[in-house]
Amino acid sequence: MTVDWVKRGLAWALVATGLLVFVIFSGIALMLGLMNHFHWVLVAVPGAILLLTLLALSKTKTFTQTDRFTELKSQVNSDLRALREAAE
């Protein structure tokens, strides 16, 4: 379970770094595109960084099943059952 949290933490760090690099490369591409003639690489490089960032973001959004608070959950469920029975 700890390995999953480490992987997700690294993926979040990659997302933050990727967004920063994407913004920097997009700004550089915009400046180069305005100064010189437009070239397809000026779109491809920031696009590739954005794609990798989105892949890392999808990794961070994966749902991990935790076994925490199982006793608490069962106690709450039994309390809810008892309240429903008392209300009838």
Foldseek 3Di string as FASTA:
>chain_A
DVVLVVLLVVLVVLLVVLVVVLVVLLVVLVVVVVVDPHDPVSVVVSVVSVVVSVVSVVSNPDDDDDPPPPVVVVVVVVVVVVVVVVVD
